[in-house]
Amino acid sequence: MVVDLVVIGVAITLGPLHNSGFILLLGSRGGVRKGLAFLLSWLANLVVVIACVVLLTGGTPPVHHTTPSTAADAAKLAIGVGLVLFGIYRLRRPPRPHKPPSWTGRIDSASLGTAAALAWLLQPWALVGAGAATAVDADLSSLTDWLALTAYCLLATLSILAMELYAARAPGAAQARLNALKAWLERHQDQLVVMLSLLVGLWLTASGTYALVA
């Protein structure tokens, strides 16, 4: 479980779409406050999903090869296969110019509530679902599992947390460097999406398959 959560958490935090959107939000009027609203909403989303899983399992992992255990492993396998297929599709698709989403033109006038809602919109739900399926195996009587779940939520938030702190401490320098990072992410968005989809998809496929047959 721990290794799976680390892989999923790293994949979430490296996602180019939400990182580009967050940098754009930080560069808007009142960007640090909007960034904080986005950050807290993003983290709350992860915590709520994990909390729902824990409530369903009662904090005790289901017995291996029972229906709940098999369903969670099958979900992980299905998400992995889906990510691999998506990565192959994006790899074979002819390159096309990226148009900025319509919401980017209204970012300066966005409220804190809109910034918080944007975090839910940009959340990579397939990976969050994979994290939830993995968290089914958490045993809350074990300190190690508590730390693993906490580390997963923090790791999946690490990139936007680092950018928020940087923008708050050194706004001038941060804006220039983050804009350069945003430009790089946009130039390499397709390659990053393909790489993350294939690598994480293959990992989840192997992990789910092993759990089902072992």
N, C-alpha and C. Protein backbone atom coordinates (compact mmCIF):
# COMPACT_ATOMS: atom_id res chain seq x y z
N MET A 1 0.82 -1.22 0.00
CA MET A 1 0.00 0.00 0.00
C MET A 1 0.85 1.26 0.00
N VAL A 2 1.90 1.29 0.82
CA VAL A 2 2.70 2.50 0.98
C VAL A 2 3.34 2.91 -0.34
N VAL A 3 3.94 1.96 -1.04
CA VAL A 3 4.61 2.28 -2.31
C VAL A 3 3.59 2.77 -3.34
N ASP A 4 2.44 2.12 -3.40
CA ASP A 4 1.39 2.56 -4.33
C ASP A 4 0.97 3.99 -4.04
N LEU A 5 0.80 4.34 -2.77
CA LEU A 5 0.39 5.69 -2.41
C LEU A 5 1.47 6.72 -2.78
N VAL A 6 2.74 6.34 -2.63
CA VAL A 6 3.82 7.24 -3.01
C VAL A 6 3.80 7.49 -4.53
N VAL A 7 3.65 6.43 -5.30
CA VAL A 7 3.61 6.56 -6.76
C VAL A 7 2.44 7.45 -7.19
N ILE A 8 1.28 7.20 -6.62
CA ILE A 8 0.09 7.98 -6.98
C ILE A 8 0.25 9.43 -6.54
N GLY A 9 0.77 9.64 -5.33
CA GLY A 9 0.96 10.99 -4.83
C GLY A 9 1.93 11.79 -5.69
N VAL A 10 3.02 11.17 -6.10
CA VAL A 10 3.99 11.85 -6.97
C VAL A 10 3.35 12.19 -8.31
N ALA A 11 2.59 11.25 -8.88
CA ALA A 11 1.93 11.50 -10.17
C ALA A 11 0.94 12.65 -10.07
N ILE A 12 0.21 12.71 -8.97
CA ILE A 12 -0.75 13.82 -8.80
C ILE A 12 -0.02 15.15 -8.72
N THR A 13 1.02 15.23 -7.90
CA THR A 13 1.70 16.51 -7.68
C THR A 13 2.44 16.99 -8.93
N LEU A 14 2.82 16.08 -9.83
CA LEU A 14 3.55 16.47 -11.04
C LEU A 14 2.63 16.80 -12.21
N GLY A 15 1.33 16.64 -12.04
CA GLY A 15 0.41 16.88 -13.15
C GLY A 15 0.53 18.28 -13.73
N PRO A 16 0.69 18.42 -15.04
CA PRO A 16 0.91 19.75 -15.62
C PRO A 16 -0.32 20.63 -15.65
N LEU A 17 -1.51 20.05 -15.71
CA LEU A 17 -2.72 20.86 -15.89
C LEU A 17 -3.02 21.70 -14.67
N HIS A 18 -3.05 21.07 -13.49
CA HIS A 18 -3.39 21.86 -12.30
C HIS A 18 -2.24 22.80 -11.91
N ASN A 19 -1.00 22.40 -12.19
CA ASN A 19 0.12 23.28 -11.87
C ASN A 19 0.09 24.55 -12.73
N SER A 20 -0.21 24.39 -14.03
CA SER A 20 -0.33 25.57 -14.90
C SER A 20 -1.47 26.47 -14.44
N GLY A 21 -2.61 25.85 -14.10
CA GLY A 21 -3.74 26.63 -13.64
C GLY A 21 -3.45 27.35 -12.34
N PHE A 22 -2.72 26.70 -11.45
CA PHE A 22 -2.39 27.31 -10.17
C PHE A 22 -1.44 28.50 -10.35
N ILE A 23 -0.48 28.37 -11.24
CA ILE A 23 0.44 29.49 -11.51
C ILE A 23 -0.33 30.67 -12.07
N LEU A 24 -1.27 30.40 -12.97
CA LEU A 24 -2.10 31.47 -13.52
C LEU A 24 -2.90 32.14 -12.42
N LEU A 25 -3.41 31.36 -11.50
CA LEU A 25 -4.17 31.91 -10.37
C LEU A 25 -3.28 32.78 -9.49
N LEU A 26 -2.06 32.34 -9.22
CA LEU A 26 -1.14 33.12 -8.38
C LEU A 26 -0.79 34.46 -9.02
N GLY A 27 -0.78 34.51 -10.35
CA GLY A 27 -0.43 35.74 -11.05
C GLY A 27 -1.58 36.72 -11.19
N SER A 28 -2.76 36.35 -10.74
CA SER A 28 -3.92 37.22 -10.85
C SER A 28 -3.97 38.20 -9.69
N ARG A 29 -4.92 39.13 -9.73
CA ARG A 29 -5.09 40.09 -8.64
C ARG A 29 -5.50 39.35 -7.37
N GLY A 30 -4.77 39.60 -6.27
CA GLY A 30 -5.02 38.87 -5.03
C GLY A 30 -4.64 37.40 -5.15
N GLY A 31 -3.61 37.12 -5.94
CA GLY A 31 -3.26 35.74 -6.27
C GLY A 31 -2.86 34.87 -5.10
N VAL A 32 -2.17 35.44 -4.10
CA VAL A 32 -1.73 34.63 -2.97
C VAL A 32 -2.94 34.14 -2.17
N ARG A 33 -3.92 35.01 -1.96
CA ARG A 33 -5.12 34.60 -1.23
C ARG A 33 -5.92 33.57 -2.03
N LYS A 34 -6.03 33.80 -3.33
CA LYS A 34 -6.73 32.83 -4.17
C LYS A 34 -5.98 31.50 -4.20
N GLY A 35 -4.66 31.58 -4.25
CA GLY A 35 -3.86 30.36 -4.22
C GLY A 35 -4.06 29.58 -2.94
N LEU A 36 -4.17 30.30 -1.82
CA LEU A 36 -4.40 29.63 -0.54
C LEU A 36 -5.77 28.94 -0.53
N ALA A 37 -6.79 29.60 -1.09
CA ALA A 37 -8.12 28.99 -1.18
C ALA A 37 -8.07 27.72 -2.04
N PHE A 38 -7.35 27.80 -3.16
CA PHE A 38 -7.18 26.64 -4.03
C PHE A 38 -6.47 25.51 -3.29
N LEU A 39 -5.39 25.86 -2.60
CA LEU A 39 -4.58 24.87 -1.88
C LEU A 39 -5.40 24.15 -0.81
N LEU A 40 -6.13 24.91 -0.01
CA LEU A 40 -6.92 24.30 1.07
C LEU A 40 -8.03 23.43 0.51
N SER A 41 -8.64 23.88 -0.59
CA SER A 41 -9.70 23.09 -1.21
C SER A 41 -9.14 21.80 -1.81
N TRP A 42 -8.00 21.90 -2.43
CA TRP A 42 -7.32 20.73 -3.03
C TRP A 42 -7.01 19.69 -1.94
N LEU A 43 -6.42 20.16 -0.85
CA LEU A 43 -6.07 19.26 0.25
C LEU A 43 -7.33 18.68 0.90
N ALA A 44 -8.35 19.51 1.06
CA ALA A 44 -9.60 19.03 1.65
C ALA A 44 -10.23 17.93 0.79
N ASN A 45 -10.13 18.08 -0.51
CA ASN A 45 -10.67 17.06 -1.41
C ASN A 45 -10.00 15.72 -1.15
N LEU A 46 -8.68 15.72 -1.09
CA LEU A 46 -7.95 14.47 -0.85
C LEU A 46 -8.30 13.86 0.50
N VAL A 47 -8.38 14.71 1.50
CA VAL A 47 -8.69 14.23 2.85
C VAL A 47 -10.10 13.66 2.91
N VAL A 48 -11.06 14.33 2.27
CA VAL A 48 -12.45 13.86 2.28
C VAL A 48 -12.57 12.50 1.61
N VAL A 49 -11.88 12.32 0.48
CA VAL A 49 -11.94 11.04 -0.23
C VAL A 49 -11.38 9.92 0.66
N ILE A 50 -10.23 10.17 1.28
CA ILE A 50 -9.63 9.16 2.16
C ILE A 50 -10.53 8.91 3.36
N ALA A 51 -11.12 9.97 3.92
CA ALA A 51 -12.00 9.80 5.08
C ALA A 51 -13.22 8.95 4.73
N CYS A 52 -13.76 9.14 3.53
CA CYS A 52 -14.91 8.33 3.10
C CYS A 52 -14.53 6.86 3.01
N VAL A 53 -13.34 6.59 2.49
CA VAL A 53 -12.88 5.20 2.39
C VAL A 53 -12.73 4.59 3.78
N VAL A 54 -12.13 5.36 4.69
CA VAL A 54 -11.92 4.86 6.06
C VAL A 54 -13.25 4.59 6.75
N LEU A 55 -14.24 5.47 6.52
CA LEU A 55 -15.56 5.27 7.11
C LEU A 55 -16.21 3.99 6.58
N LEU A 56 -16.01 3.73 5.29
CA LEU A 56 -16.60 2.54 4.70
C LEU A 56 -15.94 1.26 5.22
N THR A 57 -14.63 1.31 5.43
CA THR A 57 -13.92 0.10 5.88
C THR A 57 -13.87 0.00 7.40
N GLY A 58 -14.22 1.10 8.09
CA GLY A 58 -14.10 1.09 9.54
C GLY A 58 -12.66 1.14 10.02
N GLY A 59 -11.74 1.50 9.13
CA GLY A 59 -10.33 1.56 9.50
C GLY A 59 -9.65 0.22 9.56
N THR A 60 -10.36 -0.82 9.10
CA THR A 60 -9.80 -2.17 9.10
C THR A 60 -9.79 -2.70 7.67
N PRO A 61 -8.65 -3.09 7.14
CA PRO A 61 -8.62 -3.57 5.75
C PRO A 61 -9.46 -4.83 5.58
N PRO A 62 -10.18 -4.96 4.47
CA PRO A 62 -10.98 -6.18 4.25
C PRO A 62 -10.08 -7.39 4.06
N VAL A 63 -10.62 -8.52 4.39
CA VAL A 63 -9.88 -9.78 4.21
C VAL A 63 -9.60 -9.99 2.73
N HIS A 64 -8.38 -10.45 2.45
CA HIS A 64 -7.96 -10.65 1.06
C HIS A 64 -8.88 -11.63 0.33
N HIS A 65 -9.22 -11.27 -0.90
CA HIS A 65 -10.07 -12.08 -1.78
C HIS A 65 -11.53 -12.13 -1.34
N THR A 66 -11.93 -11.25 -0.42
CA THR A 66 -13.35 -11.07 -0.18
C THR A 66 -13.87 -10.05 -1.21
N THR A 67 -15.19 -9.87 -1.25
CA THR A 67 -15.77 -8.99 -2.25
C THR A 67 -15.24 -7.55 -2.16
N PRO A 68 -15.18 -6.93 -0.96
CA PRO A 68 -14.64 -5.56 -0.91
C PRO A 68 -13.20 -5.47 -1.37
N SER A 69 -12.37 -6.44 -0.96
CA SER A 69 -10.97 -6.42 -1.35
C SER A 69 -10.83 -6.59 -2.85
N THR A 70 -11.56 -7.54 -3.41
CA THR A 70 -11.50 -7.78 -4.85
C THR A 70 -11.99 -6.58 -5.64
N ALA A 71 -13.06 -5.93 -5.14
CA ALA A 71 -13.59 -4.75 -5.83
C ALA A 71 -12.55 -3.63 -5.87
N ALA A 72 -11.86 -3.41 -4.75
CA ALA A 72 -10.84 -2.35 -4.70
C ALA A 72 -9.68 -2.67 -5.64
N ASP A 73 -9.24 -3.92 -5.64
CA ASP A 73 -8.13 -4.30 -6.53
C ASP A 73 -8.55 -4.21 -8.00
N ALA A 74 -9.79 -4.60 -8.28
CA ALA A 74 -10.29 -4.52 -9.66
C ALA A 74 -10.41 -3.06 -10.11
N ALA A 75 -10.81 -2.18 -9.18
CA ALA A 75 -10.89 -0.76 -9.51
C ALA A 75 -9.52 -0.20 -9.83
N LYS A 76 -8.53 -0.60 -9.03
CA LYS A 76 -7.15 -0.14 -9.28
C LYS A 76 -6.67 -0.64 -10.65
N LEU A 77 -6.96 -1.90 -10.95
CA LEU A 77 -6.58 -2.47 -12.25
C LEU A 77 -7.27 -1.73 -13.39
N ALA A 78 -8.56 -1.46 -13.24
CA ALA A 78 -9.31 -0.78 -14.29
C ALA A 78 -8.78 0.63 -14.53
N ILE A 79 -8.46 1.34 -13.44
CA ILE A 79 -7.90 2.69 -13.59
C ILE A 79 -6.55 2.62 -14.29
N GLY A 80 -5.73 1.64 -13.91
CA GLY A 80 -4.43 1.48 -14.55
C GLY A 80 -4.55 1.22 -16.04
N VAL A 81 -5.43 0.30 -16.43
CA VAL A 81 -5.64 0.01 -17.85
C VAL A 81 -6.15 1.24 -18.57
N GLY A 82 -7.08 1.95 -17.93
CA GLY A 82 -7.61 3.16 -18.54
C GLY A 82 -6.54 4.21 -18.78
N LEU A 83 -5.63 4.39 -17.81
CA LEU A 83 -4.55 5.35 -17.97
C LEU A 83 -3.60 4.94 -19.08
N VAL A 84 -3.30 3.65 -19.18
CA VAL A 84 -2.42 3.18 -20.26
C VAL A 84 -3.06 3.44 -21.61
N LEU A 85 -4.33 3.12 -21.75
CA LEU A 85 -5.03 3.34 -23.02
C LEU A 85 -5.09 4.83 -23.35
N PHE A 86 -5.33 5.65 -22.34
CA PHE A 86 -5.36 7.09 -22.57
C PHE A 86 -3.99 7.60 -22.99
N GLY A 87 -2.94 7.10 -22.33
CA GLY A 87 -1.59 7.51 -22.70
C GLY A 87 -1.25 7.12 -24.13
N ILE A 88 -1.65 5.91 -24.54
CA ILE A 88 -1.39 5.47 -25.91
C ILE A 88 -2.16 6.34 -26.90
N TYR A 89 -3.41 6.66 -26.54
CA TYR A 89 -4.23 7.52 -27.41
C TYR A 89 -3.59 8.89 -27.59
N ARG A 90 -3.15 9.49 -26.47
CA ARG A 90 -2.52 10.80 -26.57
C ARG A 90 -1.19 10.74 -27.29
N LEU A 91 -0.48 9.62 -27.17
CA LEU A 91 0.80 9.47 -27.86
C LEU A 91 0.61 9.40 -29.36
N ARG A 92 -0.44 8.73 -29.80
CA ARG A 92 -0.67 8.54 -31.23
C ARG A 92 -1.45 9.68 -31.86
N ARG A 93 -2.05 10.53 -31.04
CA ARG A 93 -2.85 11.63 -31.58
C ARG A 93 -1.93 12.69 -32.16
N PRO A 94 -2.24 13.21 -33.35
CA PRO A 94 -1.40 14.27 -33.93
C PRO A 94 -1.36 15.48 -33.01
N PRO A 95 -0.21 16.13 -32.90
CA PRO A 95 -0.12 17.32 -32.04
C PRO A 95 -1.07 18.41 -32.51
N ARG A 96 -1.64 19.11 -31.58
CA ARG A 96 -2.56 20.19 -31.91
C ARG A 96 -2.32 21.35 -30.94
N PRO A 97 -2.57 22.59 -31.39
CA PRO A 97 -2.35 23.73 -30.50
C PRO A 97 -3.32 23.70 -29.31
N HIS A 98 -2.82 24.15 -28.16
CA HIS A 98 -3.64 24.17 -26.95
C HIS A 98 -4.27 25.55 -26.80
N LYS A 99 -5.59 25.58 -26.72
CA LYS A 99 -6.29 26.82 -26.45
C LYS A 99 -6.52 26.95 -24.95
N PRO A 100 -6.27 28.14 -24.41
CA PRO A 100 -6.50 28.29 -22.97
C PRO A 100 -7.98 28.11 -22.63
N PRO A 101 -8.29 27.46 -21.51
CA PRO A 101 -9.70 27.29 -21.12
C PRO A 101 -10.40 28.64 -20.97
N SER A 102 -11.71 28.63 -21.12
CA SER A 102 -12.47 29.87 -21.08
C SER A 102 -12.36 30.59 -19.74
N TRP A 103 -12.16 29.82 -18.65
CA TRP A 103 -12.13 30.45 -17.33
C TRP A 103 -10.89 31.31 -17.11
N THR A 104 -9.86 31.10 -17.93
CA THR A 104 -8.62 31.85 -17.71
C THR A 104 -8.80 33.35 -17.97
N GLY A 105 -9.75 33.68 -18.84
CA GLY A 105 -9.97 35.09 -19.14
C GLY A 105 -10.67 35.85 -18.02
N ARG A 106 -11.24 35.11 -17.05
CA ARG A 106 -11.96 35.76 -15.94
C ARG A 106 -11.23 35.55 -14.60
N ILE A 107 -9.96 35.19 -14.69
CA ILE A 107 -9.24 34.81 -13.47
C ILE A 107 -9.01 36.00 -12.54
N ASP A 108 -8.82 37.20 -13.08
CA ASP A 108 -8.58 38.37 -12.22
C ASP A 108 -9.78 38.70 -11.36
N SER A 109 -10.97 38.47 -11.89
CA SER A 109 -12.18 38.81 -11.14
C SER A 109 -12.72 37.62 -10.35
N ALA A 110 -12.01 36.51 -10.34
CA ALA A 110 -12.48 35.32 -9.64
C ALA A 110 -12.49 35.55 -8.13
N SER A 111 -13.50 35.01 -7.47
CA SER A 111 -13.60 35.10 -6.02
C SER A 111 -12.82 33.98 -5.36
N LEU A 112 -12.70 34.04 -4.04
CA LEU A 112 -12.03 32.96 -3.31
C LEU A 112 -12.80 31.65 -3.47
N GLY A 113 -14.12 31.74 -3.50
CA GLY A 113 -14.94 30.55 -3.70
C GLY A 113 -14.71 29.92 -5.06
N THR A 114 -14.56 30.76 -6.09
CA THR A 114 -14.27 30.26 -7.43
C THR A 114 -12.90 29.58 -7.47
N ALA A 115 -11.92 30.19 -6.78
CA ALA A 115 -10.58 29.60 -6.72
C ALA A 115 -10.64 28.24 -6.04
N ALA A 116 -11.44 28.13 -4.98
CA ALA A 116 -11.59 26.85 -4.28
C ALA A 116 -12.27 25.82 -5.17
N ALA A 117 -13.29 26.24 -5.91
CA ALA A 117 -13.99 25.32 -6.81
C ALA A 117 -13.08 24.87 -7.95
N LEU A 118 -12.17 25.75 -8.37
CA LEU A 118 -11.25 25.40 -9.45
C LEU A 118 -10.36 24.23 -9.06
N ALA A 119 -10.02 24.12 -7.78
CA ALA A 119 -9.19 23.00 -7.31
C ALA A 119 -9.90 21.68 -7.56
N TRP A 120 -11.20 21.63 -7.32
CA TRP A 120 -11.96 20.41 -7.56
C TRP A 120 -12.07 20.11 -9.05
N LEU A 121 -12.18 21.17 -9.85
CA LEU A 121 -12.28 20.99 -11.31
C LEU A 121 -11.00 20.42 -11.89
N LEU A 122 -9.85 20.88 -11.38
CA LEU A 122 -8.55 20.47 -11.94
C LEU A 122 -7.98 19.22 -11.27
N GLN A 123 -8.67 18.71 -10.26
CA GLN A 123 -8.18 17.50 -9.58
C GLN A 123 -8.13 16.32 -10.57
N PRO A 124 -7.03 15.57 -10.63
CA PRO A 124 -6.95 14.39 -11.52
C PRO A 124 -7.73 13.23 -10.90
N TRP A 125 -9.00 13.16 -11.22
CA TRP A 125 -9.90 12.26 -10.51
C TRP A 125 -9.55 10.79 -10.67
N ALA A 126 -9.00 10.42 -11.80
CA ALA A 126 -8.61 9.01 -11.98
C ALA A 126 -7.55 8.62 -10.95
N LEU A 127 -6.57 9.49 -10.76
CA LEU A 127 -5.52 9.20 -9.79
C LEU A 127 -6.04 9.27 -8.36
N VAL A 128 -6.93 10.21 -8.09
CA VAL A 128 -7.54 10.28 -6.77
C VAL A 128 -8.34 9.00 -6.48
N GLY A 129 -9.03 8.50 -7.52
CA GLY A 129 -9.75 7.24 -7.36
C GLY A 129 -8.81 6.08 -7.09
N ALA A 130 -7.65 6.09 -7.76
CA ALA A 130 -6.66 5.04 -7.51
C ALA A 130 -6.14 5.12 -6.08
N GLY A 131 -5.96 6.36 -5.58
CA GLY A 131 -5.54 6.52 -4.19
C GLY A 131 -6.59 6.00 -3.22
N ALA A 132 -7.86 6.24 -3.55
CA ALA A 132 -8.94 5.74 -2.70
C ALA A 132 -8.97 4.22 -2.69
N ALA A 133 -8.81 3.60 -3.87
CA ALA A 133 -8.81 2.15 -3.94
C ALA A 133 -7.64 1.55 -3.17
N THR A 134 -6.52 2.25 -3.15
CA THR A 134 -5.35 1.79 -2.40
C THR A 134 -5.56 1.95 -0.90
N ALA A 135 -6.22 3.05 -0.50
CA ALA A 135 -6.44 3.32 0.91
C ALA A 135 -7.38 2.32 1.57
N VAL A 136 -8.09 1.53 0.78
CA VAL A 136 -8.95 0.48 1.34
C VAL A 136 -8.13 -0.46 2.22
N ASP A 137 -6.86 -0.64 1.90
CA ASP A 137 -6.01 -1.57 2.66
C ASP A 137 -5.41 -0.95 3.92
N ALA A 138 -5.79 0.30 4.23
CA ALA A 138 -5.21 0.97 5.40
C ALA A 138 -5.76 0.38 6.70
N ASP A 139 -4.86 0.15 7.63
CA ASP A 139 -5.23 -0.34 8.96
C ASP A 139 -4.94 0.79 9.95
N LEU A 140 -6.00 1.44 10.44
CA LEU A 140 -5.81 2.62 11.27
C LEU A 140 -5.36 2.30 12.69
N SER A 141 -5.22 1.03 12.99
CA SER A 141 -4.59 0.68 14.27
C SER A 141 -3.07 0.71 14.15
N SER A 142 -2.58 0.92 12.94
CA SER A 142 -1.13 0.95 12.68
C SER A 142 -0.68 2.39 12.45
N LEU A 143 0.31 2.84 13.22
CA LEU A 143 0.85 4.18 13.04
C LEU A 143 1.45 4.35 11.65
N THR A 144 2.05 3.29 11.12
CA THR A 144 2.64 3.36 9.79
C THR A 144 1.61 3.71 8.73
N ASP A 145 0.43 3.11 8.83
CA ASP A 145 -0.61 3.39 7.84
C ASP A 145 -1.15 4.81 7.99
N TRP A 146 -1.28 5.28 9.23
CA TRP A 146 -1.67 6.67 9.45
C TRP A 146 -0.67 7.62 8.78
N LEU A 147 0.60 7.36 8.99
CA LEU A 147 1.64 8.21 8.39
C LEU A 147 1.62 8.11 6.88
N ALA A 148 1.36 6.91 6.34
CA ALA A 148 1.31 6.73 4.89
C ALA A 148 0.18 7.54 4.27
N LEU A 149 -0.99 7.52 4.89
CA LEU A 149 -2.13 8.28 4.36
C LEU A 149 -1.87 9.79 4.45
N THR A 150 -1.28 10.21 5.57
CA THR A 150 -0.96 11.63 5.73
C THR A 150 0.08 12.07 4.69
N ALA A 151 1.11 11.25 4.52
CA ALA A 151 2.16 11.57 3.56
C ALA A 151 1.61 11.61 2.14
N TYR A 152 0.68 10.72 1.83
CA TYR A 152 0.06 10.71 0.50
C TYR A 152 -0.65 12.03 0.23
N CYS A 153 -1.46 12.49 1.17
CA CYS A 153 -2.19 13.74 0.98
C CYS A 153 -1.23 14.93 0.84
N LEU A 154 -0.18 14.95 1.65
CA LEU A 154 0.79 16.05 1.57
C LEU A 154 1.61 15.97 0.29
N LEU A 155 2.00 14.77 -0.10
CA LEU A 155 2.79 14.61 -1.31
C LEU A 155 1.99 15.04 -2.54
N ALA A 156 0.71 14.70 -2.58
CA ALA A 156 -0.14 15.07 -3.71
C ALA A 156 -0.39 16.58 -3.75
N THR A 157 -0.06 17.28 -2.66
CA THR A 157 -0.27 18.73 -2.58
C THR A 157 1.06 19.49 -2.67
N LEU A 158 2.16 18.76 -2.73
CA LEU A 158 3.49 19.36 -2.54
C LEU A 158 3.80 20.46 -3.55
N SER A 159 3.50 20.26 -4.82
CA SER A 159 3.88 21.24 -5.83
C SER A 159 3.17 22.57 -5.61
N ILE A 160 1.86 22.53 -5.36
CA ILE A 160 1.14 23.79 -5.18
C ILE A 160 1.48 24.42 -3.82
N LEU A 161 1.78 23.60 -2.82
CA LEU A 161 2.21 24.15 -1.53
C LEU A 161 3.53 24.90 -1.69
N ALA A 162 4.47 24.31 -2.42
CA ALA A 162 5.77 24.96 -2.63
C ALA A 162 5.60 26.27 -3.39
N MET A 163 4.76 26.27 -4.42
CA MET A 163 4.56 27.50 -5.20
C MET A 163 3.85 28.57 -4.37
N GLU A 164 2.88 28.17 -3.55
CA GLU A 164 2.18 29.13 -2.69
C GLU A 164 3.13 29.78 -1.70
N LEU A 165 3.98 28.99 -1.06
CA LEU A 165 4.94 29.54 -0.10
C LEU A 165 5.95 30.45 -0.79
N TYR A 166 6.39 30.06 -1.98
CA TYR A 166 7.35 30.87 -2.72
C TYR A 166 6.74 32.21 -3.10
N ALA A 167 5.49 32.18 -3.59
CA ALA A 167 4.82 33.42 -3.99
C ALA A 167 4.56 34.32 -2.80
N ALA A 168 4.29 33.74 -1.63
CA ALA A 168 4.04 34.55 -0.44
C ALA A 168 5.31 35.19 0.10
N ARG A 169 6.45 34.49 -0.01
CA ARG A 169 7.71 34.99 0.56
C ARG A 169 8.44 35.95 -0.38
N ALA A 170 8.39 35.68 -1.68
CA ALA A 170 9.12 36.51 -2.64
C ALA A 170 8.28 36.71 -3.88
N PRO A 171 7.24 37.54 -3.81
CA PRO A 171 6.29 37.64 -4.91
C PRO A 171 6.91 38.06 -6.24
N GLY A 172 7.83 39.01 -6.22
CA GLY A 172 8.43 39.47 -7.47
C GLY A 172 9.22 38.39 -8.18
N ALA A 173 10.17 37.80 -7.47
CA ALA A 173 10.99 36.74 -8.06
C ALA A 173 10.16 35.53 -8.40
N ALA A 174 9.20 35.21 -7.54
CA ALA A 174 8.38 34.02 -7.77
C ALA A 174 7.58 34.14 -9.05
N GLN A 175 7.00 35.32 -9.29
CA GLN A 175 6.14 35.46 -10.46
C GLN A 175 6.91 35.22 -11.76
N ALA A 176 8.13 35.78 -11.84
CA ALA A 176 8.93 35.60 -13.05
C ALA A 176 9.30 34.13 -13.25
N ARG A 177 9.73 33.47 -12.19
CA ARG A 177 10.14 32.07 -12.33
C ARG A 177 8.96 31.14 -12.55
N LEU A 178 7.85 31.43 -11.89
CA LEU A 178 6.67 30.58 -12.07
C LEU A 178 6.07 30.76 -13.47
N ASN A 179 6.15 31.97 -14.01
CA ASN A 179 5.69 32.17 -15.38
C ASN A 179 6.55 31.38 -16.37
N ALA A 180 7.85 31.35 -16.10
CA ALA A 180 8.74 30.55 -16.95
C ALA A 180 8.41 29.06 -16.82
N LEU A 181 8.11 28.62 -15.60
CA LEU A 181 7.72 27.22 -15.40
C LEU A 181 6.41 26.92 -16.11
N LYS A 182 5.45 27.84 -16.05
CA LYS A 182 4.18 27.66 -16.72
C LYS A 182 4.37 27.52 -18.24
N ALA A 183 5.24 28.37 -18.80
CA ALA A 183 5.51 28.28 -20.24
C ALA A 183 6.12 26.94 -20.60
N TRP A 184 7.03 26.45 -19.75
CA TRP A 184 7.64 25.14 -20.00
C TRP A 184 6.62 24.02 -19.90
N LEU A 185 5.75 24.09 -18.91
CA LEU A 185 4.72 23.07 -18.75
C LEU A 185 3.78 23.05 -19.96
N GLU A 186 3.44 24.22 -20.47
CA GLU A 186 2.53 24.27 -21.61
C GLU A 186 3.20 23.73 -22.87
N ARG A 187 4.50 23.97 -23.02
CA ARG A 187 5.21 23.45 -24.19
C ARG A 187 5.32 21.93 -24.13
N HIS A 188 5.43 21.38 -22.94
CA HIS A 188 5.65 19.94 -22.79
C HIS A 188 4.44 19.22 -22.20
N GLN A 189 3.29 19.86 -22.27
CA GLN A 189 2.11 19.29 -21.64
C GLN A 189 1.77 17.91 -22.17
N ASP A 190 1.77 17.75 -23.49
CA ASP A 190 1.41 16.46 -24.07
C ASP A 190 2.38 15.37 -23.65
N GLN A 191 3.69 15.67 -23.70
CA GLN A 191 4.68 14.66 -23.31
C GLN A 191 4.54 14.28 -21.84
N LEU A 192 4.28 15.25 -20.98
CA LEU A 192 4.14 14.96 -19.55
C LEU A 192 2.89 14.13 -19.28
N VAL A 193 1.79 14.46 -19.93
CA VAL A 193 0.55 13.70 -19.75
C VAL A 193 0.73 12.26 -20.20
N VAL A 194 1.38 12.08 -21.36
CA VAL A 194 1.62 10.73 -21.87
C VAL A 194 2.51 9.94 -20.92
N MET A 195 3.61 10.56 -20.50
CA MET A 195 4.57 9.87 -19.63
C MET A 195 3.92 9.46 -18.31
N LEU A 196 3.23 10.39 -17.67
CA LEU A 196 2.60 10.08 -16.38
C LEU A 196 1.50 9.04 -16.54
N SER A 197 0.71 9.15 -17.60
CA SER A 197 -0.37 8.18 -17.82
C SER A 197 0.17 6.78 -18.02
N LEU A 198 1.21 6.66 -18.83
CA LEU A 198 1.77 5.33 -19.11
C LEU A 198 2.48 4.75 -17.89
N LEU A 199 3.31 5.55 -17.24
CA LEU A 199 4.08 5.02 -16.11
C LEU A 199 3.17 4.62 -14.95
N VAL A 200 2.27 5.53 -14.57
CA VAL A 200 1.38 5.23 -13.44
C VAL A 200 0.38 4.15 -13.84
N GLY A 201 -0.09 4.20 -15.09
CA GLY A 201 -1.03 3.19 -15.56
C GLY A 201 -0.43 1.79 -15.53
N LEU A 202 0.80 1.67 -15.98
CA LEU A 202 1.46 0.37 -15.95
C LEU A 202 1.68 -0.11 -14.52
N TRP A 203 2.05 0.82 -13.65
CA TRP A 203 2.26 0.45 -12.24
C TRP A 203 0.96 -0.05 -11.61
N LEU A 204 -0.12 0.69 -11.81
CA LEU A 204 -1.39 0.30 -11.21
C LEU A 204 -1.92 -1.00 -11.82
N THR A 205 -1.70 -1.17 -13.11
CA THR A 205 -2.12 -2.42 -13.76
C THR A 205 -1.39 -3.63 -13.16
N ALA A 206 -0.08 -3.47 -12.98
CA ALA A 206 0.72 -4.55 -12.39
C ALA A 206 0.32 -4.77 -10.94
N SER A 207 0.14 -3.70 -10.18
CA SER A 207 -0.21 -3.82 -8.78
C SER A 207 -1.59 -4.45 -8.60
N GLY A 208 -2.56 -3.98 -9.41
CA GLY A 208 -3.91 -4.55 -9.32
C GLY A 208 -3.97 -6.01 -9.72
N THR A 209 -3.24 -6.35 -10.79
CA THR A 209 -3.21 -7.73 -11.25
C THR A 209 -2.59 -8.64 -10.20
N TYR A 210 -1.48 -8.20 -9.63
CA TYR A 210 -0.80 -9.01 -8.61
C TYR A 210 -1.71 -9.25 -7.40
N ALA A 211 -2.41 -8.16 -6.99
CA ALA A 211 -3.28 -8.30 -5.81
C ALA A 211 -4.44 -9.26 -6.09
N LEU A 212 -4.91 -9.30 -7.33
CA LEU A 212 -6.04 -10.18 -7.66
C LEU A 212 -5.65 -11.65 -7.75
N VAL A 213 -4.42 -11.90 -8.22
CA VAL A 213 -4.03 -13.30 -8.45
C VAL A 213 -3.19 -13.89 -7.33
N ALA A 214 -2.62 -13.01 -6.47
CA ALA A 214 -1.73 -13.54 -5.43
C ALA A 214 -2.53 -14.25 -4.34
